């Protein structure tokens, strides 16, 4: 399906609080080949050539929208 671009947004600038949320290390995605992607109204699942997956889920927390990622690695 395609490779994750090494030029993907690696901008380290974070929005001002309280919109900032958490910081996540996305470097593990660099250079990975995407072989499949599926989605429904709440979740996007990306499958990589090595069989690992990245799930992104839209949800609400205390009445505010947020995205949950699995797996993720906090910085």
Protein backbone atom coordinates (compact mmCIF):
# COMPACT_ATOMS: atom_id res chain seq x y z
CA UNK A 1 0.00 0.00 0.00
CA UNK A 2 2.88 2.38 0.71
CA UNK A 3 5.67 3.43 2.99
CA UNK A 4 5.43 5.84 5.88
CA UNK A 5 7.41 8.83 4.68
CA UNK A 6 10.64 9.64 6.48
CA UNK A 7 9.60 13.26 5.94
CA UNK A 8 6.45 12.77 8.01
CA UNK A 9 5.63 15.65 10.31
CA UNK A 10 8.25 15.50 13.03
CA UNK A 11 7.59 19.04 14.21
CA UNK A 12 8.31 19.05 17.94
CA UNK A 13 6.38 22.27 18.55
CA UNK A 14 3.36 21.68 20.77
CA UNK A 15 0.22 23.81 21.00
CA UNK A 16 -0.21 25.96 24.08
CA UNK A 17 -1.91 24.36 27.08
CA UNK A 18 -4.61 23.14 27.57
CA UNK A 19 -4.83 21.87 23.97
CA UNK A 20 -1.42 20.19 24.07
CA UNK A 21 -2.47 16.83 25.56
CA UNK A 22 0.36 14.31 25.71
CA UNK A 23 3.50 13.99 23.62
CA UNK A 24 3.98 10.74 21.71
CA UNK A 25 7.13 9.29 20.09
CA UNK A 26 6.14 8.40 16.51
CA UNK A 27 9.68 7.54 15.36
CA UNK A 28 8.86 3.80 15.31
CA UNK A 29 6.64 4.47 12.26
CA UNK A 30 9.48 5.83 10.12
CA UNK A 31 10.18 3.66 7.07
CA UNK A 32 7.44 1.10 7.78
CA UNK A 33 5.49 -0.33 4.84
CA UNK A 34 1.70 -0.11 5.11
CA UNK A 35 -0.02 -3.19 3.66
CA UNK A 36 -3.62 -2.53 4.75
CA UNK A 37 -5.82 0.11 6.34
CA UNK A 38 -9.40 -0.26 7.53
CA UNK A 39 -11.73 2.15 9.27
CA UNK A 40 -15.20 2.64 10.59
CA UNK A 41 -16.72 5.71 12.18
CA UNK A 42 -14.69 5.33 15.39
CA UNK A 43 -11.44 3.54 14.58
CA UNK A 44 -8.69 3.46 11.96
CA UNK A 45 -6.45 0.37 11.91
CA UNK A 46 -3.21 0.40 9.92
CA UNK A 47 -1.42 -2.91 9.34
CA UNK A 48 2.28 -2.91 8.51
CA UNK A 49 4.27 -5.45 6.47
CA UNK A 50 5.72 -7.03 9.63
CA UNK A 51 2.20 -7.71 10.97
CA UNK A 52 2.18 -4.97 13.62
CA UNK A 53 -0.83 -2.68 13.72
CA UNK A 54 -1.54 0.90 14.75
CA UNK A 55 -5.08 1.67 15.90
CA UNK A 56 -6.37 5.23 16.16
CA UNK A 57 -9.69 5.73 17.91
CA UNK A 58 -11.75 8.92 18.15
CA UNK A 59 -13.56 9.39 21.44
CA UNK A 60 -14.67 11.89 24.07
CA UNK A 61 -13.09 12.58 27.47
CA UNK A 62 -14.87 14.91 29.86
CA UNK A 63 -16.98 16.08 26.95
CA UNK A 64 -13.99 16.98 24.76
CA UNK A 65 -12.80 15.11 21.66
CA UNK A 66 -9.50 13.25 21.73
CA UNK A 67 -7.64 10.55 19.80
CA UNK A 68 -6.40 7.35 21.43
CA UNK A 69 -3.50 5.41 19.88
CA UNK A 70 -2.52 1.80 20.40
CA UNK A 71 0.36 1.12 20.68
CA UNK A 72 1.89 4.38 21.80
CA UNK A 73 5.07 5.38 23.59
CA UNK A 74 5.01 8.46 25.80
CA UNK A 75 8.02 10.75 25.55
